Amino acid sequence: MPAPPALRLLTGGTAPDDVAALRTALAERLALRGLLPTRDGLPASAAEDGEDRAVSPLPLLVPIAPGEDEGQVRSDLARRITRVPARTDLILRTSGSTTGTGRLIAMSAAALMASARATHARLGGPGTWLLPLPAHHVAGLQILIRSLEAGTEPVVVDTSAGFSPAALAEALRSARRSTGAAASR
């Protein structure tokens, strides 16, 4: 039986420090895979020095909920992960709201970035992203990926103490100020 994959658990949620740490880990992974533009604006090569970094055995990034027991998560993943497809960078765990049992979804950095690029193409280009959703769920995680592709910092709405319409409205105003006229289109 093969050894279980190495895991790097990262807290998601919407607390600014947790979001920043998760976003940094995602940026590092995208850069390692050659998926973020370099400082000169050109895409980085995923095969520099003849090395295929797309299949290197990096720890799998696993976003978890704030306060979730890391030992329990590791135990659950060790029991459930029997194989990992090549080029997997991240494991997302679904809530199981439709089936009663959450599923594990293996994602590549390339697939996450392709989704971000498709979203930007559909919306007419990158912009400033607002994060009012937990970053350990796919919708929140994709906001972080889109912000990395756009080269902008997301405006985080901290809902860790509960949702506040006033906080959301302020975040929208903040995002509008940071993008200027582009936000009014």
C-alpha atoms as a PDB file:
ATOM      1  CA  MET A   1       0.000   0.000   0.000  1.00  0.00           C
ATOM      2  CA  PRO A   2       1.462   3.405  -0.974  1.00  0.00           C
ATOM      3  CA  ALA A   3       2.289   5.943   1.718  1.00  0.00           C
ATOM      4  CA  PRO A   4      -0.425   8.532   2.305  1.00  0.00           C
ATOM      5  CA  PRO A   5       0.226  11.885   0.651  1.00  0.00           C
ATOM      6  CA  ALA A   6       1.723  14.722   2.676  1.00  0.00           C
ATOM      7  CA  LEU A   7      -0.923  17.234   3.696  1.00  0.00           C
ATOM      8  CA  ARG A   8      -0.700  20.934   4.494  1.00  0.00           C
ATOM      9  CA  LEU A   9      -3.826  21.970   6.374  1.00  0.00           C
ATOM     10  CA  LEU A  10      -4.703  25.660   6.088  1.00  0.00           C
ATOM     11  CA  THR A  11      -7.491  27.452   7.908  1.00  0.00           C
ATOM     12  CA  GLY A  12     -10.032  29.082   5.620  1.00  0.00           C
ATOM     13  CA  GLY A  13     -13.016  31.022   6.894  1.00  0.00           C
ATOM     14  CA  THR A  14     -13.083  34.799   6.608  1.00  0.00           C
ATOM     15  CA  ALA A  15     -10.767  35.982   9.397  1.00  0.00           C
ATOM     16  CA  PRO A  16      -8.274  38.277   7.632  1.00  0.00           C
ATOM     17  CA  ASP A  17      -5.116  36.595   8.996  1.00  0.00           C
ATOM     18  CA  ASP A  18      -6.352  33.113   8.036  1.00  0.00           C
ATOM     19  CA  VAL A  19      -7.392  34.313   4.582  1.00  0.00           C
ATOM     20  CA  ALA A  20      -3.985  35.956   4.069  1.00  0.00           C
ATOM     21  CA  ALA A  21      -2.132  32.764   5.047  1.00  0.00           C
ATOM     22  CA  LEU A  22      -4.273  30.612   2.726  1.00  0.00           C
ATOM     23  CA  ARG A  23      -3.874  33.116  -0.124  1.00  0.00           C
ATOM     24  CA  THR A  24      -0.098  33.120   0.363  1.00  0.00           C
ATOM     25  CA  ALA A  25       0.008  29.308   0.206  1.00  0.00           C
ATOM     26  CA  LEU A  26      -2.094  29.368  -2.967  1.00  0.00           C
ATOM     27  CA  ALA A  27       0.179  32.011  -4.519  1.00  0.00           C
ATOM     28  CA  GLU A  28       3.244  29.924  -3.700  1.00  0.00           C
ATOM     29  CA  ARG A  29       1.695  26.850  -5.301  1.00  0.00           C
ATOM     30  CA  LEU A  30       0.581  28.730  -8.412  1.00  0.00           C
ATOM     31  CA  ALA A  31       4.063  30.219  -8.747  1.00  0.00           C
ATOM     32  CA  LEU A  32       5.697  26.794  -8.341  1.00  0.00           C
ATOM     33  CA  ARG A  33       3.462  25.507 -11.113  1.00  0.00           C
ATOM     34  CA  GLY A  34       4.380  28.446 -13.357  1.00  0.00           C
ATOM     35  CA  LEU A  35       0.799  29.729 -13.378  1.00  0.00           C
ATOM     36  CA  LEU A  36       1.285  33.263 -12.061  1.00  0.00           C
ATOM     37  CA  PRO A  37       2.752  35.989 -14.245  1.00  0.00           C
ATOM     38  CA  THR A  38       6.318  37.031 -13.475  1.00  0.00           C
ATOM     39  CA  ARG A  39       7.212  40.615 -12.556  1.00  0.00           C
ATOM     40  CA  ASP A  40       7.635  41.480 -16.241  1.00  0.00           C
ATOM     41  CA  GLY A  41       4.062  40.307 -16.867  1.00  0.00           C
ATOM     42  CA  LEU A  42       5.008  37.193 -18.807  1.00  0.00           C
ATOM     43  CA  PRO A  43       3.761  33.765 -17.741  1.00  0.00           C
ATOM     44  CA  ALA A  44       6.334  31.740 -15.834  1.00  0.00           C
ATOM     45  CA  SER A  45       7.452  28.524 -17.494  1.00  0.00           C
ATOM     46  CA  ALA A  46       6.171  25.378 -15.801  1.00  0.00           C
ATOM     47  CA  ALA A  47       9.123  23.428 -17.122  1.00  0.00           C
ATOM     48  CA  GLU A  48      12.156  25.575 -16.269  1.00  0.00           C
ATOM     49  CA  ASP A  49      15.463  23.738 -16.184  1.00  0.00           C
ATOM     50  CA  GLY A  50      13.810  20.759 -17.889  1.00  0.00           C
ATOM     51  CA  GLU A  51      12.054  19.826 -14.653  1.00  0.00           C
ATOM     52  CA  ASP A  52       8.384  18.851 -14.790  1.00  0.00           C
ATOM     53  CA  ARG A  53       7.153  20.616 -11.678  1.00  0.00           C
ATOM     54  CA  ALA A  54       3.567  19.675 -12.507  1.00  0.00           C
ATOM     55  CA  VAL A  55       4.062  16.184 -11.103  1.00  0.00           C
ATOM     56  CA  SER A  56       6.456  16.865  -8.225  1.00  0.00           C
ATOM     57  CA  PRO A  57       5.331  15.434  -4.886  1.00  0.00           C
ATOM     58  CA  LEU A  58       4.369  18.618  -3.042  1.00  0.00           C
ATOM     59  CA  PRO A  59       2.133  18.443   0.035  1.00  0.00           C
ATOM     60  CA  LEU A  60      -1.549  18.621  -0.826  1.00  0.00           C
ATOM     61  CA  LEU A  61      -3.124  21.880   0.324  1.00  0.00           C
ATOM     62  CA  VAL A  62      -6.265  21.205   2.360  1.00  0.00           C
ATOM     63  CA  PRO A  63      -8.366  24.219   3.394  1.00  0.00           C
ATOM     64  CA  ILE A  64     -10.206  23.555   6.670  1.00  0.00           C
ATOM     65  CA  ALA A  65     -12.823  25.412   8.684  1.00  0.00           C
ATOM     66  CA  PRO A  66     -11.754  27.683  11.541  1.00  0.00           C
ATOM     67  CA  GLY A  67     -11.662  25.727  14.784  1.00  0.00           C
ATOM     68  CA  GLU A  68     -11.722  22.371  13.041  1.00  0.00           C
ATOM     69  CA  ASP A  69      -9.679  19.684  14.812  1.00  0.00           C
ATOM     70  CA  GLU A  70      -6.572  19.150  12.658  1.00  0.00           C
ATOM     71  CA  GLY A  71      -5.922  15.694  14.101  1.00  0.00           C
ATOM     72  CA  GLN A  72      -9.437  14.578  13.268  1.00  0.00           C
ATOM     73  CA  VAL A  73      -9.165  16.018   9.742  1.00  0.00           C
ATOM     74  CA  ARG A  74      -5.839  14.239   9.155  1.00  0.00           C
ATOM     75  CA  SER A  75      -7.273  10.971  10.455  1.00  0.00           C
ATOM     76  CA  ASP A  76     -10.360  11.281   8.253  1.00  0.00           C
ATOM     77  CA  LEU A  77      -8.281  12.095   5.174  1.00  0.00           C
ATOM     78  CA  ALA A  78      -5.836   9.239   5.834  1.00  0.00           C
ATOM     79  CA  ARG A  79      -8.793   6.856   5.982  1.00  0.00           C
ATOM     80  CA  ARG A  80     -10.525   8.217   2.877  1.00  0.00           C
ATOM     81  CA  ILE A  81      -7.700   9.034   0.464  1.00  0.00           C
ATOM     82  CA  THR A  82      -6.740   5.840  -1.316  1.00  0.00           C
ATOM     83  CA  ARG A  83      -5.087   7.423  -4.342  1.00  0.00           C
ATOM     84  CA  VAL A  84      -4.438  10.918  -5.618  1.00  0.00           C
ATOM     85  CA  PRO A  85      -4.593  11.777  -9.308  1.00  0.00           C
ATOM     86  CA  ALA A  86      -1.389  13.137 -10.847  1.00  0.00           C
ATOM     87  CA  ARG A  87      -1.064  16.916 -10.729  1.00  0.00           C
ATOM     88  CA  THR A  88      -3.310  17.261  -7.673  1.00  0.00           C
ATOM     89  CA  ASP A  89      -2.432  20.337  -5.642  1.00  0.00           C
ATOM     90  CA  LEU A  90      -5.428  20.774  -3.391  1.00  0.00           C
ATOM     91  CA  ILE A  91      -8.105  18.674  -1.739  1.00  0.00           C
ATOM     92  CA  LEU A  92     -11.467  20.358  -1.214  1.00  0.00           C
ATOM     93  CA  ARG A  93     -14.001  18.781   1.078  1.00  0.00           C
ATOM     94  CA  THR A  94     -17.655  19.270   0.218  1.00  0.00           C
ATOM     95  CA  SER A  95     -20.262  19.727   2.913  1.00  0.00           C
ATOM     96  CA  GLY A  96     -22.383  16.755   1.912  1.00  0.00           C
ATOM     97  CA  SER A  97     -25.488  18.922   1.967  1.00  0.00           C
ATOM     98  CA  THR A  98     -27.071  17.087  -0.973  1.00  0.00           C
ATOM     99  CA  THR A  99     -25.994  13.518  -0.235  1.00  0.00           C
ATOM    100  CA  GLY A 100     -25.469  13.518   3.519  1.00  0.00           C
ATOM    101  CA  THR A 101     -21.816  12.586   3.048  1.00  0.00           C
ATOM    102  CA  GLY A 102     -19.145  15.097   2.119  1.00  0.00           C
ATOM    103  CA  ARG A 103     -16.860  14.215  -0.766  1.00  0.00           C
ATOM    104  CA  LEU A 104     -13.189  14.858  -1.398  1.00  0.00           C
ATOM    105  CA  ILE A 105     -12.411  16.752  -4.581  1.00  0.00           C
ATOM    106  CA  ALA A 106      -8.874  16.646  -6.002  1.00  0.00           C
ATOM    107  CA  MET A 107      -8.007  19.911  -7.758  1.00  0.00           C
ATOM    108  CA  SER A 108      -4.965  20.959  -9.740  1.00  0.00           C
ATOM    109  CA  ALA A 109      -3.585  24.484  -9.595  1.00  0.00           C
ATOM    110  CA  ALA A 110      -4.009  24.580 -13.379  1.00  0.00           C
ATOM    111  CA  ALA A 111      -7.741  23.808 -13.127  1.00  0.00           C
ATOM    112  CA  LEU A 112      -8.247  26.475 -10.459  1.00  0.00           C
ATOM    113  CA  MET A 113      -6.402  29.041 -12.578  1.00  0.00           C
ATOM    114  CA  ALA A 114      -8.297  28.040 -15.740  1.00  0.00           C
ATOM    115  CA  SER A 115     -11.548  28.718 -13.889  1.00  0.00           C
ATOM    116  CA  ALA A 116     -10.278  32.122 -12.726  1.00  0.00           C
ATOM    117  CA  ARG A 117      -9.191  33.050 -16.249  1.00  0.00           C
ATOM    118  CA  ALA A 118     -12.527  31.942 -17.705  1.00  0.00           C
ATOM    119  CA  THR A 119     -14.358  34.051 -15.121  1.00  0.00           C
ATOM    120  CA  HIS A 120     -12.239  37.094 -15.954  1.00  0.00           C
ATOM    121  CA  ALA A 121     -12.839  36.529 -19.675  1.00  0.00           C
ATOM    122  CA  ARG A 122     -16.595  36.294 -19.112  1.00  0.00           C
ATOM    123  CA  LEU A 123     -16.672  39.416 -16.924  1.00  0.00           C
ATOM    124  CA  GLY A 124     -14.541  41.476 -19.296  1.00  0.00           C
ATOM    125  CA  GLY A 125     -11.279  41.350 -17.362  1.00  0.00           C
ATOM    126  CA  PRO A 126      -9.935  41.138 -13.839  1.00  0.00           C
ATOM    127  CA  GLY A 127     -11.088  43.410 -11.059  1.00  0.00           C
ATOM    128  CA  THR A 128     -11.151  43.732  -7.306  1.00  0.00           C
ATOM    129  CA  TRP A 129     -12.716  40.725  -5.616  1.00  0.00           C
ATOM    130  CA  LEU A 130     -14.880  40.754  -2.497  1.00  0.00           C
ATOM    131  CA  LEU A 131     -14.597  37.757  -0.137  1.00  0.00           C
ATOM    132  CA  PRO A 132     -17.706  37.390   2.060  1.00  0.00           C
ATOM    133  CA  LEU A 133     -17.649  33.570   1.754  1.00  0.00           C
ATOM    134  CA  PRO A 134     -15.553  31.083   3.731  1.00  0.00           C
ATOM    135  CA  ALA A 135     -12.248  30.568   1.933  1.00  0.00           C
ATOM    136  CA  HIS A 136     -12.254  26.830   2.704  1.00  0.00           C
ATOM    137  CA  HIS A 137     -15.277  26.339   0.422  1.00  0.00           C
ATOM    138  CA  VAL A 138     -14.869  26.308  -3.354  1.00  0.00           C
ATOM    139  CA  ALA A 139     -16.645  29.652  -3.918  1.00  0.00           C
ATOM    140  CA  GLY A 140     -14.435  31.467  -1.417  1.00  0.00           C
ATOM    141  CA  LEU A 141     -11.300  29.684  -2.562  1.00  0.00           C
ATOM    142  CA  GLN A 142     -11.957  30.694  -6.176  1.00  0.00           C
ATOM    143  CA  ILE A 143     -12.250  34.336  -5.094  1.00  0.00           C
ATOM    144  CA  LEU A 144      -8.708  34.050  -3.731  1.00  0.00           C
ATOM    145  CA  ILE A 145      -7.483  32.438  -6.965  1.00  0.00           C
ATOM    146  CA  ARG A 146      -9.190  35.146  -9.053  1.00  0.00           C
ATOM    147  CA  SER A 147      -7.582  37.871  -6.961  1.00  0.00           C
ATOM    148  CA  LEU A 148      -4.166  36.291  -7.509  1.00  0.00           C
ATOM    149  CA  GLU A 149      -4.760  36.116 -11.261  1.00  0.00           C
ATOM    150  CA  ALA A 150      -5.909  39.762 -11.206  1.00  0.00           C
ATOM    151  CA  GLY A 151      -2.910  40.846  -9.141  1.00  0.00           C
ATOM    152  CA  THR A 152      -5.180  42.473  -6.554  1.00  0.00           C
ATOM    153  CA  GLU A 153      -5.873  41.949  -2.871  1.00  0.00           C
ATOM    154  CA  PRO A 154      -9.398  40.721  -2.138  1.00  0.00           C
ATOM    155  CA  VAL A 155     -11.566  42.843   0.121  1.00  0.00           C
ATOM    156  CA  VAL A 156     -12.322  40.465   3.010  1.00  0.00           C
ATOM    157  CA  VAL A 157     -15.644  40.592   4.850  1.00  0.00           C
ATOM    158  CA  ASP A 158     -14.911  38.966   8.200  1.00  0.00           C
ATOM    159  CA  THR A 159     -18.010  36.905   9.002  1.00  0.00           C
ATOM    160  CA  SER A 160     -16.315  34.858  11.734  1.00  0.00           C
ATOM    161  CA  ALA A 161     -18.554  36.493  14.363  1.00  0.00           C
ATOM    162  CA  GLY A 162     -21.613  36.286  12.106  1.00  0.00           C
ATOM    163  CA  PHE A 163     -22.816  37.989   8.964  1.00  0.00           C
ATOM    164  CA  SER A 164     -23.318  41.747   9.091  1.00  0.00           C
ATOM    165  CA  PRO A 165     -25.087  43.568   6.258  1.00  0.00           C
ATOM    166  CA  ALA A 166     -23.314  46.763   7.375  1.00  0.00           C
ATOM    167  CA  ALA A 167     -19.893  45.077   7.082  1.00  0.00           C
ATOM    168  CA  LEU A 168     -20.797  43.821   3.603  1.00  0.00           C
ATOM    169  CA  ALA A 169     -21.919  47.309   2.542  1.00  0.00           C
ATOM    170  CA  GLU A 170     -18.671  48.828   3.855  1.00  0.00           C
ATOM    171  CA  ALA A 171     -16.619  46.203   2.033  1.00  0.00           C
ATOM    172  CA  LEU A 172     -18.477  47.008  -1.192  1.00  0.00           C
ATOM    173  CA  ARG A 173     -17.720  50.713  -0.700  1.00  0.00           C
ATOM    174  CA  SER A 174     -14.076  49.851  -0.021  1.00  0.00           C
ATOM    175  CA  ALA A 175     -13.858  47.728  -3.165  1.00  0.00           C
ATOM    176  CA  ARG A 176     -15.424  50.505  -5.189  1.00  0.00           C
ATOM    177  CA  ARG A 177     -12.920  53.059  -3.829  1.00  0.00           C
ATOM    178  CA  SER A 178     -10.013  50.748  -4.653  1.00  0.00           C
ATOM    179  CA  THR A 179     -11.101  50.221  -8.263  1.00  0.00           C
ATOM    180  CA  GLY A 180     -12.428  53.701  -8.949  1.00  0.00           C
ATOM    181  CA  ALA A 181     -14.481  54.131 -12.080  1.00  0.00           C
ATOM    182  CA  ALA A 182     -14.039  50.506 -13.125  1.00  0.00           C
ATOM    183  CA  ALA A 183     -16.303  49.400 -10.268  1.00  0.00           C
ATOM    184  CA  SER A 184     -19.176  51.559 -11.495  1.00  0.00           C
ATOM    185  CA  ARG A 185     -19.387  49.820 -14.888  1.00  0.00           C
END
